[in-house]
């Protein structure tokens, strides 16, 4: 085993160790093998040009990606299993650093075809077509179902006697859940047009490309 490959295998072990200590988060589009971040990273490897993937990380993280890319390209030249390990190392590194830029933990790469629910695919289709009708319907359906379910739950337990303390607590729990949901939906809707928290305030992200 060459010295280069030995050093590289030590680097490959880092993402796995980080994954073992990271809390589980909800699935994210950028974590999937057929998502835009991995697709861009694969294009970078195929063309030898890291610029394909640099738009998916913050400006301050670009040096880390460039170093990982240089190591990967060096080990890829060994061919065979070393090439496969090098590619996986680079994909994991890019996704991990992208997720950190979003303020999220890295929980590993998800396989192609991972079920992302209806909203994310509808959002991507809206971006391609320029029409938000399907996306608005998906979001509206989910919101209406969420409101109706929590409203019905709160109304079902809202009648109780003054001495029925446990029944009263059940109502309070349902009422708080109902209000928090409504507030959360409204806050998300009212945030339209505001920049993503991970988006730099300076024009370090190329024009026409948004952080995921």
N, C-alpha and C. Protein backbone atom coordinates (compact mmCIF):
# COMPACT_ATOMS: atom_id res chain seq x y z
N UNK A 1 0.85 -1.20 0.00
CA UNK A 1 0.00 0.00 0.00
C UNK A 1 0.89 1.24 0.00
N UNK A 2 0.63 2.16 -0.89
CA UNK A 2 1.45 3.35 -1.00
C UNK A 2 1.21 4.29 0.17
N UNK A 3 2.20 5.17 0.42
CA UNK A 3 2.07 6.14 1.51
C UNK A 3 0.88 7.06 1.26
N UNK A 4 0.69 7.45 0.00
CA UNK A 4 -0.44 8.32 -0.34
C UNK A 4 -1.76 7.68 0.00
N UNK A 5 -1.92 6.39 -0.34
CA UNK A 5 -3.17 5.71 -0.06
C UNK A 5 -3.39 5.53 1.42
N UNK A 6 -2.31 5.25 2.19
CA UNK A 6 -2.45 5.10 3.64
C UNK A 6 -2.95 6.39 4.27
N UNK A 7 -2.35 7.52 3.85
CA UNK A 7 -2.81 8.81 4.39
C UNK A 7 -4.26 9.06 4.02
N UNK A 8 -4.62 8.72 2.82
CA UNK A 8 -5.98 8.97 2.35
C UNK A 8 -6.99 8.13 3.10
N UNK A 9 -6.66 6.87 3.39
CA UNK A 9 -7.58 6.01 4.12
C UNK A 9 -7.86 6.57 5.51
N UNK A 10 -6.87 7.23 6.09
CA UNK A 10 -7.10 7.89 7.37
C UNK A 10 -8.08 9.03 7.25
N UNK A 11 -8.04 9.76 6.14
CA UNK A 11 -8.99 10.85 5.91
C UNK A 11 -10.39 10.33 5.68
N UNK A 12 -10.50 9.19 4.96
CA UNK A 12 -11.82 8.62 4.68
C UNK A 12 -12.52 8.22 5.96
N UNK A 13 -11.77 7.83 6.98
CA UNK A 13 -12.38 7.39 8.24
C UNK A 13 -13.02 8.53 9.00
N UNK A 14 -12.65 9.79 8.73
CA UNK A 14 -13.16 10.92 9.48
C UNK A 14 -14.66 11.12 9.36
N UNK A 15 -15.23 11.12 8.14
CA UNK A 15 -16.69 11.31 8.04
C UNK A 15 -17.47 10.24 8.79
N UNK A 16 -17.00 9.00 8.77
CA UNK A 16 -17.71 7.93 9.48
C UNK A 16 -17.69 8.16 10.98
N UNK A 17 -16.56 8.63 11.48
CA UNK A 17 -16.47 8.91 12.92
C UNK A 17 -17.38 10.06 13.30
N UNK A 18 -17.44 11.09 12.45
CA UNK A 18 -18.33 12.22 12.71
C UNK A 18 -19.79 11.79 12.68
N UNK A 19 -20.12 10.90 11.76
CA UNK A 19 -21.49 10.42 11.64
C UNK A 19 -21.92 9.69 12.89
N UNK A 20 -21.01 8.93 13.49
CA UNK A 20 -21.35 8.14 14.67
C UNK A 20 -21.70 9.02 15.85
N UNK A 21 -21.19 10.28 15.87
CA UNK A 21 -21.45 11.16 17.00
C UNK A 21 -22.44 12.25 16.67
N UNK A 22 -22.98 12.26 15.45
CA UNK A 22 -23.90 13.33 15.04
C UNK A 22 -25.33 12.95 15.34
N UNK A 23 -26.16 13.89 15.85
CA UNK A 23 -27.57 13.60 16.06
C UNK A 23 -28.29 13.42 14.75
N UNK A 24 -29.33 12.59 14.76
CA UNK A 24 -30.10 12.34 13.55
C UNK A 24 -30.93 13.56 13.21
N UNK A 25 -30.90 13.96 11.95
CA UNK A 25 -31.68 15.08 11.47
C UNK A 25 -32.63 14.61 10.39
N UNK A 26 -33.60 15.46 10.06
CA UNK A 26 -34.51 15.12 8.97
C UNK A 26 -33.74 15.03 7.66
N UNK A 27 -34.27 14.22 6.75
CA UNK A 27 -33.63 14.06 5.46
C UNK A 27 -33.55 15.40 4.74
N UNK A 28 -32.48 15.62 4.06
CA UNK A 28 -32.31 16.84 3.28
C UNK A 28 -32.01 16.48 1.85
N UNK A 29 -32.48 17.30 0.93
CA UNK A 29 -32.29 17.07 -0.50
C UNK A 29 -30.81 16.95 -0.84
N UNK A 30 -29.99 17.76 -0.20
CA UNK A 30 -28.57 17.80 -0.54
C UNK A 30 -27.81 16.58 -0.04
N UNK A 31 -28.43 15.72 0.75
CA UNK A 31 -27.77 14.53 1.27
C UNK A 31 -27.87 13.33 0.34
N UNK A 32 -28.70 13.41 -0.68
CA UNK A 32 -28.98 12.23 -1.49
C UNK A 32 -27.99 12.09 -2.64
N UNK A 33 -27.77 10.84 -3.07
CA UNK A 33 -26.83 10.56 -4.14
C UNK A 33 -27.29 11.12 -5.48
N UNK A 34 -28.59 11.37 -5.63
CA UNK A 34 -29.07 11.98 -6.86
C UNK A 34 -29.47 13.44 -6.66
N UNK A 35 -29.04 14.02 -5.53
CA UNK A 35 -29.33 15.43 -5.26
C UNK A 35 -28.34 16.35 -5.96
N UNK A 36 -28.60 17.64 -5.94
CA UNK A 36 -27.78 18.58 -6.71
C UNK A 36 -26.35 18.73 -6.21
N UNK A 37 -26.11 18.56 -4.91
CA UNK A 37 -24.75 18.72 -4.39
C UNK A 37 -23.86 17.57 -4.84
N UNK A 38 -24.34 16.35 -4.69
CA UNK A 38 -23.56 15.19 -5.12
C UNK A 38 -23.38 15.20 -6.63
N UNK A 39 -24.43 15.56 -7.36
CA UNK A 39 -24.33 15.63 -8.82
C UNK A 39 -23.24 16.62 -9.24
N UNK A 40 -23.17 17.76 -8.56
CA UNK A 40 -22.14 18.75 -8.87
C UNK A 40 -20.75 18.23 -8.51
N UNK A 41 -20.65 17.52 -7.39
CA UNK A 41 -19.36 16.96 -6.99
C UNK A 41 -18.89 15.91 -7.99
N UNK A 42 -19.81 15.10 -8.49
CA UNK A 42 -19.46 14.09 -9.48
C UNK A 42 -19.01 14.75 -10.79
N UNK A 43 -19.64 15.86 -11.14
CA UNK A 43 -19.23 16.59 -12.34
C UNK A 43 -17.82 17.14 -12.17
N UNK A 44 -17.51 17.61 -10.96
CA UNK A 44 -16.17 18.12 -10.69
C UNK A 44 -15.13 17.03 -10.87
N UNK A 45 -15.43 15.84 -10.37
CA UNK A 45 -14.49 14.73 -10.50
C UNK A 45 -14.36 14.29 -11.96
N UNK A 46 -15.46 14.25 -12.68
CA UNK A 46 -15.44 13.78 -14.06
C UNK A 46 -14.67 14.73 -14.98
N UNK A 47 -14.73 16.03 -14.67
CA UNK A 47 -14.10 17.02 -15.54
C UNK A 47 -12.76 17.51 -15.02
N UNK A 48 -12.46 17.20 -13.75
CA UNK A 48 -11.24 17.71 -13.15
C UNK A 48 -11.33 19.18 -12.80
N UNK A 49 -12.55 19.71 -12.72
CA UNK A 49 -12.75 21.14 -12.44
C UNK A 49 -13.60 21.30 -11.18
N UNK A 50 -13.00 21.72 -10.05
CA UNK A 50 -13.76 21.84 -8.80
C UNK A 50 -14.80 22.95 -8.81
N UNK A 51 -14.75 23.83 -9.80
CA UNK A 51 -15.72 24.93 -9.85
C UNK A 51 -17.15 24.43 -9.94
N UNK A 52 -17.34 23.21 -10.47
CA UNK A 52 -18.69 22.67 -10.57
C UNK A 52 -19.37 22.60 -9.20
N UNK A 53 -18.59 22.39 -8.16
CA UNK A 53 -19.19 22.16 -6.83
C UNK A 53 -18.97 23.32 -5.88
N UNK A 54 -18.10 24.26 -6.22
CA UNK A 54 -17.79 25.34 -5.29
C UNK A 54 -18.98 26.24 -4.98
N UNK A 55 -19.95 26.30 -5.89
CA UNK A 55 -21.13 27.14 -5.64
C UNK A 55 -21.97 26.62 -4.48
N UNK A 56 -21.77 25.36 -4.09
CA UNK A 56 -22.57 24.75 -3.04
C UNK A 56 -21.96 24.90 -1.65
N UNK A 57 -20.84 25.60 -1.55
CA UNK A 57 -20.23 25.83 -0.23
C UNK A 57 -19.96 27.32 -0.07
N UNK A 58 -19.81 27.75 1.17
CA UNK A 58 -19.52 29.14 1.45
C UNK A 58 -18.11 29.50 0.99
N UNK A 59 -17.88 30.77 0.76
CA UNK A 59 -16.57 31.22 0.29
C UNK A 59 -15.46 30.81 1.26
N UNK A 60 -15.74 30.90 2.57
CA UNK A 60 -14.71 30.57 3.55
C UNK A 60 -14.39 29.08 3.58
N UNK A 61 -15.28 28.26 3.02
CA UNK A 61 -15.04 26.82 2.99
C UNK A 61 -14.38 26.35 1.69
N UNK A 62 -14.23 27.25 0.75
CA UNK A 62 -13.66 26.87 -0.55
C UNK A 62 -12.27 26.26 -0.44
N UNK A 63 -11.36 26.79 0.40
CA UNK A 63 -10.04 26.18 0.50
C UNK A 63 -10.10 24.71 0.94
N UNK A 64 -11.02 24.38 1.85
CA UNK A 64 -11.16 22.99 2.30
C UNK A 64 -11.59 22.09 1.16
N UNK A 65 -12.51 22.58 0.34
CA UNK A 65 -12.97 21.78 -0.80
C UNK A 65 -11.85 21.61 -1.82
N UNK A 66 -11.11 22.65 -2.07
CA UNK A 66 -10.02 22.56 -3.03
C UNK A 66 -8.94 21.57 -2.56
N UNK A 67 -8.65 21.58 -1.25
CA UNK A 67 -7.67 20.63 -0.73
C UNK A 67 -8.18 19.20 -0.85
N UNK A 68 -9.46 19.01 -0.50
CA UNK A 68 -10.04 17.66 -0.62
C UNK A 68 -10.06 17.20 -2.07
N UNK A 69 -10.33 18.13 -2.98
CA UNK A 69 -10.37 17.79 -4.39
C UNK A 69 -8.97 17.37 -4.88
N UNK A 70 -7.94 18.11 -4.47
CA UNK A 70 -6.58 17.78 -4.89
C UNK A 70 -6.17 16.41 -4.38
N UNK A 71 -6.49 16.11 -3.11
CA UNK A 71 -6.17 14.78 -2.56
C UNK A 71 -6.91 13.69 -3.32
N UNK A 72 -8.18 13.97 -3.59
CA UNK A 72 -9.00 12.97 -4.29
C UNK A 72 -8.44 12.67 -5.67
N UNK A 73 -8.11 13.70 -6.42
CA UNK A 73 -7.61 13.49 -7.76
C UNK A 73 -6.28 12.74 -7.75
N UNK A 74 -5.48 12.97 -6.72
CA UNK A 74 -4.21 12.27 -6.60
C UNK A 74 -4.43 10.78 -6.37
N UNK A 75 -5.36 10.45 -5.47
CA UNK A 75 -5.61 9.05 -5.15
C UNK A 75 -6.39 8.36 -6.26
N UNK A 76 -7.26 9.08 -6.94
CA UNK A 76 -8.03 8.50 -8.05
C UNK A 76 -7.11 7.91 -9.12
N UNK A 77 -5.96 8.52 -9.26
CA UNK A 77 -5.03 8.06 -10.29
C UNK A 77 -4.52 6.64 -10.02
N UNK A 78 -4.67 6.17 -8.79
CA UNK A 78 -4.24 4.81 -8.45
C UNK A 78 -5.19 3.77 -9.03
N UNK A 79 -6.41 4.18 -9.37
CA UNK A 79 -7.38 3.27 -9.98
C UNK A 79 -8.00 2.30 -8.99
N UNK A 80 -8.89 1.44 -9.50
CA UNK A 80 -9.52 0.37 -8.73
C UNK A 80 -10.24 0.85 -7.49
N UNK A 81 -10.04 0.11 -6.38
CA UNK A 81 -10.73 0.42 -5.13
C UNK A 81 -10.31 1.78 -4.58
N UNK A 82 -9.07 2.15 -4.80
CA UNK A 82 -8.60 3.45 -4.33
C UNK A 82 -9.41 4.58 -4.97
N UNK A 83 -9.71 4.43 -6.25
CA UNK A 83 -10.51 5.44 -6.96
C UNK A 83 -11.91 5.53 -6.35
N UNK A 84 -12.53 4.39 -6.06
CA UNK A 84 -13.86 4.38 -5.47
C UNK A 84 -13.86 5.04 -4.10
N UNK A 85 -12.85 4.72 -3.28
CA UNK A 85 -12.75 5.33 -1.95
C UNK A 85 -12.52 6.83 -2.07
N UNK A 86 -11.70 7.23 -3.02
CA UNK A 86 -11.43 8.65 -3.21
C UNK A 86 -12.70 9.41 -3.58
N UNK A 87 -13.47 8.85 -4.49
CA UNK A 87 -14.71 9.49 -4.90
C UNK A 87 -15.67 9.64 -3.72
N UNK A 88 -15.81 8.56 -2.94
CA UNK A 88 -16.72 8.60 -1.79
C UNK A 88 -16.26 9.64 -0.77
N UNK A 89 -14.96 9.69 -0.54
CA UNK A 89 -14.40 10.68 0.38
C UNK A 89 -14.76 12.09 -0.06
N UNK A 90 -14.61 12.38 -1.35
CA UNK A 90 -14.89 13.73 -1.83
C UNK A 90 -16.38 14.06 -1.73
N UNK A 91 -17.24 13.11 -2.11
CA UNK A 91 -18.68 13.35 -2.03
C UNK A 91 -19.10 13.62 -0.59
N UNK A 92 -18.60 12.81 0.34
CA UNK A 92 -18.95 13.00 1.75
C UNK A 92 -18.43 14.33 2.27
N UNK A 93 -17.22 14.69 1.88
CA UNK A 93 -16.63 15.95 2.34
C UNK A 93 -17.44 17.14 1.85
N UNK A 94 -17.81 17.12 0.59
CA UNK A 94 -18.59 18.23 0.02
C UNK A 94 -19.94 18.36 0.72
N UNK A 95 -20.65 17.25 0.88
CA UNK A 95 -21.97 17.30 1.51
C UNK A 95 -21.85 17.72 2.97
N UNK A 96 -20.85 17.20 3.67
CA UNK A 96 -20.67 17.56 5.08
C UNK A 96 -20.43 19.06 5.24
N UNK A 97 -19.52 19.61 4.41
CA UNK A 97 -19.21 21.03 4.51
C UNK A 97 -20.39 21.89 4.07
N UNK A 98 -21.12 21.44 3.05
CA UNK A 98 -22.34 22.15 2.64
C UNK A 98 -23.34 22.20 3.79
N UNK A 99 -23.55 21.05 4.44
CA UNK A 99 -24.50 20.99 5.55
C UNK A 99 -24.07 21.89 6.71
N UNK A 100 -22.78 21.91 7.01
CA UNK A 100 -22.29 22.78 8.07
C UNK A 100 -22.55 24.24 7.73
N UNK A 101 -22.44 24.57 6.44
CA UNK A 101 -22.73 25.93 6.02
C UNK A 101 -24.19 26.30 6.21
N UNK A 102 -25.06 25.30 6.20
CA UNK A 102 -26.49 25.52 6.45
C UNK A 102 -26.81 25.51 7.94
N UNK A 103 -25.80 25.21 8.77
CA UNK A 103 -26.05 25.09 10.21
C UNK A 103 -26.65 23.76 10.60
N UNK A 104 -26.47 22.73 9.75
CA UNK A 104 -27.02 21.41 10.01
C UNK A 104 -25.91 20.39 10.16
N UNK A 105 -26.21 19.28 10.85
CA UNK A 105 -25.22 18.23 11.02
C UNK A 105 -25.21 17.30 9.81
N UNK A 106 -24.10 16.65 9.60
CA UNK A 106 -23.97 15.69 8.50
C UNK A 106 -24.36 14.31 9.02
N UNK A 107 -25.32 13.68 8.37
CA UNK A 107 -25.81 12.37 8.82
C UNK A 107 -25.58 11.28 7.79
N UNK A 108 -24.69 11.53 6.83
CA UNK A 108 -24.37 10.50 5.85
C UNK A 108 -25.09 10.70 4.54
N UNK A 109 -24.55 10.08 3.49
CA UNK A 109 -25.17 10.16 2.18
C UNK A 109 -26.36 9.21 2.10
N UNK A 110 -27.46 9.69 1.54
CA UNK A 110 -28.65 8.88 1.36
C UNK A 110 -28.68 8.33 -0.06
N UNK A 111 -29.24 7.14 -0.25
CA UNK A 111 -29.22 6.53 -1.59
C UNK A 111 -30.09 7.28 -2.60
N UNK A 112 -29.80 7.05 -3.87
CA UNK A 112 -30.64 7.61 -4.93
C UNK A 112 -32.06 7.09 -4.78
N UNK A 113 -33.03 7.92 -5.09
CA UNK A 113 -34.42 7.51 -4.98
C UNK A 113 -34.99 7.63 -3.58
N UNK A 114 -34.24 8.23 -2.65
CA UNK A 114 -34.74 8.42 -1.29
C UNK A 114 -36.04 9.23 -1.32
N UNK A 115 -37.02 8.78 -0.57
CA UNK A 115 -38.32 9.47 -0.54
C UNK A 115 -38.17 10.79 0.21
N UNK A 116 -38.33 11.88 -0.48
CA UNK A 116 -38.20 13.21 0.11
C UNK A 116 -39.55 13.84 0.42
N UNK A 117 -40.63 13.06 0.21
CA UNK A 117 -41.95 13.63 0.38
C UNK A 117 -42.34 14.42 -0.87
N UNK A 118 -43.52 14.99 -0.88
CA UNK A 118 -44.00 15.67 -2.10
C UNK A 118 -43.46 17.08 -2.31
N UNK A 119 -43.03 17.77 -1.25
CA UNK A 119 -42.72 19.19 -1.38
C UNK A 119 -41.43 19.44 -2.16
N UNK A 120 -40.35 18.74 -1.83
CA UNK A 120 -39.07 19.00 -2.48
C UNK A 120 -39.12 18.69 -3.98
N UNK A 121 -39.63 17.51 -4.39
CA UNK A 121 -39.74 17.28 -5.84
C UNK A 121 -40.62 18.32 -6.54
N UNK A 122 -41.70 18.73 -5.87
CA UNK A 122 -42.58 19.75 -6.47
C UNK A 122 -41.84 21.08 -6.59
N UNK A 123 -40.99 21.40 -5.61
CA UNK A 123 -40.21 22.64 -5.67
C UNK A 123 -39.23 22.60 -6.84
N UNK A 124 -38.60 21.45 -7.04
CA UNK A 124 -37.66 21.32 -8.16
C UNK A 124 -38.39 21.42 -9.50
N UNK A 125 -39.56 20.80 -9.58
CA UNK A 125 -40.32 20.87 -10.83
C UNK A 125 -40.77 22.30 -11.10
N UNK A 126 -41.13 23.03 -10.06
CA UNK A 126 -41.53 24.44 -10.22
C UNK A 126 -40.36 25.26 -10.74
N UNK A 127 -39.15 24.96 -10.24
CA UNK A 127 -37.97 25.69 -10.69
C UNK A 127 -37.72 25.44 -12.17
N UNK A 128 -37.96 24.22 -12.62
CA UNK A 128 -37.73 23.88 -14.02
C UNK A 128 -38.81 24.48 -14.93
N UNK A 129 -40.06 24.41 -14.48
CA UNK A 129 -41.17 24.84 -15.34
C UNK A 129 -41.48 26.32 -15.23
N UNK A 130 -41.15 26.91 -14.10
CA UNK A 130 -41.50 28.31 -13.88
C UNK A 130 -42.90 28.49 -13.33
N UNK A 131 -43.62 27.37 -13.11
CA UNK A 131 -44.98 27.43 -12.59
C UNK A 131 -44.99 26.90 -11.15
N UNK A 132 -45.61 27.66 -10.25
CA UNK A 132 -45.67 27.24 -8.84
C UNK A 132 -47.01 26.61 -8.48
N UNK A 133 -47.87 26.36 -9.45
CA UNK A 133 -49.22 25.87 -9.14
C UNK A 133 -49.19 24.54 -8.38
N UNK A 134 -48.43 23.57 -8.87
CA UNK A 134 -48.37 22.27 -8.19
C UNK A 134 -47.78 22.43 -6.79
N UNK A 135 -46.72 23.21 -6.67
CA UNK A 135 -46.07 23.41 -5.38
C UNK A 135 -47.02 24.08 -4.39
N UNK A 136 -47.75 25.09 -4.85
CA UNK A 136 -48.72 25.76 -3.98
C UNK A 136 -49.79 24.79 -3.51
N UNK A 137 -50.22 23.89 -4.40
CA UNK A 137 -51.24 22.91 -4.02
C UNK A 137 -50.69 21.94 -2.96
N UNK A 138 -49.47 21.46 -3.17
CA UNK A 138 -48.85 20.53 -2.20
C UNK A 138 -48.72 21.19 -0.83
N UNK A 139 -48.21 22.41 -0.82
CA UNK A 139 -48.03 23.11 0.46
C UNK A 139 -49.38 23.44 1.10
N UNK A 140 -50.32 23.88 0.28
CA UNK A 140 -51.65 24.21 0.80
C UNK A 140 -52.35 23.01 1.39
N UNK A 141 -52.26 21.87 0.71
CA UNK A 141 -52.89 20.64 1.21
C UNK A 141 -52.31 20.25 2.56
N UNK A 142 -50.97 20.31 2.67
CA UNK A 142 -50.31 19.94 3.92
C UNK A 142 -50.69 20.89 5.05
N UNK A 143 -50.74 22.18 4.74
CA UNK A 143 -51.10 23.16 5.76
C UNK A 143 -52.54 22.97 6.22
N UNK A 144 -53.46 22.78 5.27
CA UNK A 144 -54.86 22.60 5.64
C UNK A 144 -55.05 21.36 6.51
N UNK A 145 -54.38 20.26 6.13
CA UNK A 145 -54.51 19.03 6.91
C UNK A 145 -53.95 19.22 8.31
N UNK A 146 -52.81 19.92 8.40
CA UNK A 146 -52.20 20.16 9.70
C UNK A 146 -53.07 21.01 10.61
N UNK A 147 -53.66 22.06 10.06
CA UNK A 147 -54.52 22.94 10.84
C UNK A 147 -55.78 22.19 11.30
N UNK A 148 -56.42 21.49 10.37
CA UNK A 148 -57.67 20.80 10.70
C UNK A 148 -57.45 19.74 11.77
N UNK A 149 -56.34 18.99 11.65
CA UNK A 149 -56.07 17.93 12.63
C UNK A 149 -55.87 18.50 14.03
N UNK A 150 -55.08 19.56 14.15
CA UNK A 150 -54.79 20.14 15.46
C UNK A 150 -55.99 20.90 16.02
N UNK A 151 -56.76 21.54 15.15
CA UNK A 151 -57.97 22.22 15.58
C UNK A 151 -58.98 21.22 16.13
N UNK A 152 -59.17 20.11 15.42
CA UNK A 152 -60.12 19.09 15.87
C UNK A 152 -59.70 18.50 17.21
N UNK A 153 -58.40 18.28 17.37
CA UNK A 153 -57.89 17.71 18.61
C UNK A 153 -58.14 18.66 19.79
N UNK A 154 -57.91 19.96 19.57
CA UNK A 154 -58.11 20.93 20.64
C UNK A 154 -59.59 21.07 20.98
N UNK A 155 -60.45 21.10 19.98
CA UNK A 155 -61.88 21.23 20.23
C UNK A 155 -62.44 19.99 20.94
N UNK A 156 -61.86 18.83 20.66
CA UNK A 156 -62.39 17.60 21.26
C UNK A 156 -62.17 17.56 22.77
N UNK A 157 -61.20 18.31 23.26
CA UNK A 157 -60.90 18.23 24.71
C UNK A 157 -61.07 19.59 25.40
N UNK A 158 -61.79 20.52 24.77
CA UNK A 158 -61.88 21.86 25.33
C UNK A 158 -62.94 22.00 26.42
N UNK A 159 -63.81 21.00 26.56
CA UNK A 159 -64.85 21.08 27.60
C UNK A 159 -64.44 20.24 28.81
N UNK A 160 -64.30 20.88 29.94
CA UNK A 160 -63.93 20.18 31.18
C UNK A 160 -64.36 21.03 32.37
N UNK A 161 -64.60 20.36 33.47
CA UNK A 161 -65.02 21.05 34.68
C UNK A 161 -63.84 21.70 35.37
N UNK A 162 -64.14 22.66 36.23
CA UNK A 162 -63.09 23.42 36.91
C UNK A 162 -62.20 22.52 37.77
N UNK A 163 -62.74 21.41 38.30
CA UNK A 163 -61.96 20.51 39.14
C UNK A 163 -61.32 19.37 38.35
N UNK A 164 -61.57 19.31 37.04
CA UNK A 164 -60.98 18.25 36.21
C UNK A 164 -59.62 18.72 35.68
N UNK A 165 -58.65 18.72 36.59
CA UNK A 165 -57.34 19.28 36.29
C UNK A 165 -56.63 18.53 35.17
N UNK A 166 -56.66 17.22 35.22
CA UNK A 166 -55.98 16.44 34.19
C UNK A 166 -56.61 16.67 32.81
N UNK A 167 -57.93 16.77 32.78
CA UNK A 167 -58.61 17.05 31.53
C UNK A 167 -58.23 18.44 31.03
N UNK A 168 -58.11 19.37 31.98
CA UNK A 168 -57.71 20.72 31.60
C UNK A 168 -56.29 20.76 31.04
N UNK A 169 -55.41 19.96 31.62
CA UNK A 169 -54.03 19.90 31.11
C UNK A 169 -54.00 19.30 29.70
N UNK A 170 -54.85 18.33 29.46
CA UNK A 170 -54.92 17.74 28.12
C UNK A 170 -55.35 18.79 27.10
N UNK A 171 -56.30 19.64 27.51
CA UNK A 171 -56.72 20.71 26.60
C UNK A 171 -55.58 21.69 26.36
N UNK A 172 -54.89 22.08 27.42
CA UNK A 172 -53.79 23.04 27.27
C UNK A 172 -52.72 22.48 26.32
N UNK A 173 -52.40 21.20 26.45
CA UNK A 173 -51.39 20.59 25.57
C UNK A 173 -51.84 20.64 24.11
N UNK A 174 -53.12 20.33 23.88
CA UNK A 174 -53.64 20.34 22.52
C UNK A 174 -53.72 21.77 21.98
N UNK A 175 -54.10 22.70 22.85
CA UNK A 175 -54.21 24.10 22.45
C UNK A 175 -52.84 24.69 22.09
N UNK A 176 -51.83 24.39 22.91
CA UNK A 176 -50.48 24.89 22.66
C UNK A 176 -49.93 24.31 21.35
N UNK A 177 -50.16 23.01 21.13
CA UNK A 177 -49.70 22.39 19.89
C UNK A 177 -50.37 23.04 18.68
N UNK A 178 -51.64 23.34 18.81
CA UNK A 178 -52.41 23.97 17.73
C UNK A 178 -51.85 25.37 17.43
N UNK A 179 -51.66 26.19 18.47
CA UNK A 179 -51.17 27.54 18.27
C UNK A 179 -49.74 27.55 17.73
N UNK A 180 -48.89 26.67 18.25
CA UNK A 180 -47.51 26.62 17.78
C UNK A 180 -47.44 26.25 16.30
N UNK A 181 -48.31 25.34 15.89
CA UNK A 181 -48.33 24.95 14.48
C UNK A 181 -48.75 26.14 13.61
N UNK A 182 -49.81 26.83 14.01
CA UNK A 182 -50.29 27.97 13.25
C UNK A 182 -49.22 29.06 13.19
N UNK A 183 -48.58 29.33 14.33
CA UNK A 183 -47.52 30.34 14.35
C UNK A 183 -46.35 29.94 13.46
N UNK A 184 -45.99 28.65 13.49
CA UNK A 184 -44.88 28.18 12.68
C UNK A 184 -45.16 28.29 11.19
N UNK A 185 -46.37 27.92 10.79
CA UNK A 185 -46.75 28.03 9.38
C UNK A 185 -46.73 29.48 8.94
N UNK A 186 -47.29 30.36 9.77
CA UNK A 186 -47.33 31.78 9.42
C UNK A 186 -45.93 32.37 9.35
N UNK A 187 -45.05 32.01 10.29
CA UNK A 187 -43.69 32.52 10.30
C UNK A 187 -42.94 32.08 9.05
N UNK A 188 -43.14 30.82 8.65
CA UNK A 188 -42.48 30.32 7.45
C UNK A 188 -42.97 31.06 6.22
N UNK A 189 -44.28 31.30 6.15
CA UNK A 189 -44.84 32.00 5.00
C UNK A 189 -44.39 33.45 4.97
N UNK A 190 -44.31 34.08 6.13
CA UNK A 190 -43.93 35.49 6.20
C UNK A 190 -42.45 35.69 5.90
N UNK A 191 -41.66 34.60 5.96
CA UNK A 191 -40.22 34.71 5.72
C UNK A 191 -39.89 34.72 4.23
N UNK A 192 -40.89 34.67 3.37
CA UNK A 192 -40.66 34.64 1.92
C UNK A 192 -39.82 35.83 1.49
N UNK A 193 -38.81 35.55 0.70
CA UNK A 193 -37.96 36.61 0.17
C UNK A 193 -36.78 36.97 1.03
N UNK A 194 -36.75 36.46 2.28
CA UNK A 194 -35.61 36.75 3.14
C UNK A 194 -34.45 35.82 2.76
N UNK A 195 -33.20 36.29 2.91
CA UNK A 195 -32.07 35.45 2.53
C UNK A 195 -31.93 34.25 3.45
N UNK A 196 -31.41 33.15 2.90
CA UNK A 196 -31.14 31.95 3.68
C UNK A 196 -30.12 32.28 4.75
N UNK A 197 -30.26 31.73 5.97
CA UNK A 197 -29.30 32.05 7.04
C UNK A 197 -27.85 31.77 6.65
N UNK A 198 -27.62 30.76 5.77
CA UNK A 198 -26.26 30.39 5.42
C UNK A 198 -25.73 31.19 4.24
N UNK A 199 -26.57 32.07 3.65
CA UNK A 199 -26.14 32.84 2.49
C UNK A 199 -25.30 34.01 2.95
N UNK A 200 -24.08 34.17 2.44
CA UNK A 200 -23.23 35.28 2.86
C UNK A 200 -23.87 36.62 2.52
N UNK A 201 -23.61 37.62 3.35
CA UNK A 201 -24.14 38.95 3.08
C UNK A 201 -23.36 39.64 1.98
N UNK A 202 -22.10 39.20 1.76
CA UNK A 202 -21.29 39.73 0.67
C UNK A 202 -21.48 38.87 -0.56
N UNK A 203 -21.26 39.40 -1.75
CA UNK A 203 -21.53 38.65 -2.98
C UNK A 203 -20.47 37.60 -3.27
N UNK A 204 -20.30 36.62 -2.32
CA UNK A 204 -19.32 35.57 -2.51
C UNK A 204 -19.89 34.38 -3.26
N UNK A 205 -21.24 34.28 -3.29
CA UNK A 205 -21.88 33.22 -4.06
C UNK A 205 -22.12 33.70 -5.47
N UNK A 206 -21.72 32.94 -6.49
CA UNK A 206 -21.88 33.40 -7.88
C UNK A 206 -23.32 33.78 -8.19
N UNK A 207 -23.49 34.82 -8.99
CA UNK A 207 -24.82 35.29 -9.36
C UNK A 207 -25.60 34.20 -10.06
N UNK A 208 -26.87 34.07 -9.68
CA UNK A 208 -27.74 33.09 -10.33
C UNK A 208 -27.76 31.75 -9.64
N UNK A 209 -26.98 31.58 -8.55
CA UNK A 209 -26.95 30.32 -7.83
C UNK A 209 -27.22 30.59 -6.37
N UNK A 210 -28.21 29.92 -5.80
CA UNK A 210 -28.58 30.08 -4.41
C UNK A 210 -28.09 28.91 -3.62
N UNK A 211 -27.80 29.15 -2.34
CA UNK A 211 -27.50 28.04 -1.45
C UNK A 211 -28.73 27.19 -1.30
N UNK A 212 -28.53 25.90 -1.16
CA UNK A 212 -29.67 25.00 -0.98
C UNK A 212 -30.11 25.06 0.46
